[in-house]
Each structure stands twice: as structure tokens, then as C-alpha cells.
Amino acid sequence: MGTRLTFMRAFFIRLWRGVRELSGDSAYEQYLAHHAASHPGQPPLSRQAYFQRQQQQQWEGIKRCC
């Protein structure tokens, strides 16, 4: 019974990580990992500043709806 619970727990953890990745919810954690590896010694953006930057990049080029 213990093996089955371990398997189910691991399955749901992987499923939850996949859902977070697909929805973009884990983007800030991925940014922090990249920033730590690529830019050591520089402070990373706060969660709020990162979100604002992402929104600006996403909507920067749109000038009209059609």
C-alpha cells in the first residue's frame, strides 16, 4: 500500500508542476533560477516588477484591436 501512495503522490506532484508550467504560474521561479545562473551578483527583479515587465513586453506592440 505504501508504494502505491508514493507513486500517486509523485504522479500528482508531476501533474501539478505541469499545470503550473502550462499556465505560466511558475514563470517567476524559472526567472529566478535563470537569473541566479546567468547573472550572479546582480539582484533579481521583485515578483511585482517581473510581472509588470512581462505585461509591458506582452502588450507593448499592440496599438489597435483589428
Protein backbone atom coordinates (compact mmCIF):
# COMPACT_ATOMS: atom_id res chain seq x y z
CA MET A 1 0.00 0.00 0.00
CA GLY A 2 2.88 2.37 0.78
CA THR A 3 4.35 2.00 -2.72
CA ARG A 4 1.03 2.89 -4.31
CA LEU A 5 0.71 6.04 -2.19
CA THR A 6 4.25 7.05 -3.07
CA PHE A 7 3.50 6.54 -6.75
CA MET A 8 0.26 8.53 -6.57
CA ARG A 9 1.95 11.36 -4.67
CA ALA A 10 4.76 11.54 -7.24
CA PHE A 11 2.21 11.47 -10.06
CA PHE A 12 0.21 14.37 -8.62
CA ILE A 13 3.35 16.40 -7.92
CA ARG A 14 4.43 15.98 -11.57
CA LEU A 15 0.92 16.79 -12.76
CA TRP A 16 0.77 19.94 -10.63
CA ARG A 17 4.18 21.10 -11.89
CA GLY A 18 2.99 20.58 -15.46
CA VAL A 19 -0.17 22.59 -14.86
CA ARG A 20 1.84 25.42 -13.29
CA GLU A 21 4.25 25.45 -16.23
CA LEU A 22 1.50 25.44 -18.85
CA SER A 23 -0.41 28.23 -17.10
CA GLY A 24 2.69 30.40 -16.62
CA ASP A 25 2.39 30.30 -12.84
CA SER A 26 5.97 29.05 -12.45
CA ALA A 27 7.48 31.74 -14.70
CA TYR A 28 8.87 33.80 -11.81
CA GLU A 29 10.59 30.77 -10.26
CA GLN A 30 12.09 29.93 -13.65
CA TYR A 31 13.26 33.54 -14.00
CA LEU A 32 14.93 33.39 -10.57
CA ALA A 33 16.76 30.17 -11.47
CA HIS A 34 17.94 31.64 -14.78
CA HIS A 35 18.95 34.91 -13.15
CA ALA A 36 20.98 33.17 -10.44
CA ALA A 37 22.81 31.06 -13.04
CA SER A 38 23.37 33.78 -15.64
CA HIS A 39 23.72 36.98 -13.60
CA PRO A 40 25.40 36.20 -10.28
CA GLY A 41 25.93 39.20 -8.06
CA GLN A 42 23.04 41.18 -9.53
CA PRO A 43 19.80 41.42 -7.60
CA PRO A 44 16.78 39.89 -9.37
CA LEU A 45 13.54 41.76 -10.01
CA SER A 46 10.85 41.53 -7.39
CA ARG A 47 7.81 39.41 -8.25
CA GLN A 48 5.76 42.56 -8.89
CA ALA A 49 8.44 44.19 -11.08
CA TYR A 50 8.84 40.94 -13.04
CA PHE A 51 5.09 40.72 -13.63
CA GLN A 52 4.95 44.38 -14.77
CA ARG A 53 7.84 43.82 -17.17
CA GLN A 54 6.17 40.73 -18.62
CA GLN A 55 2.90 42.63 -19.11
CA GLN A 56 4.70 45.52 -20.78
CA GLN A 57 6.53 43.18 -23.17
CA GLN A 58 3.33 41.32 -23.98
CA TRP A 59 1.22 44.39 -24.78
CA GLU A 60 3.89 46.84 -25.99
CA GLY A 61 3.38 46.34 -29.73
CA ILE A 62 -0.42 46.25 -29.81
CA LYS A 63 -1.82 49.59 -30.97
CA ARG A 64 -5.31 48.57 -32.09
CA CYS A 65 -7.65 45.66 -31.91
CA CYS A 66 -8.08 44.84 -35.61
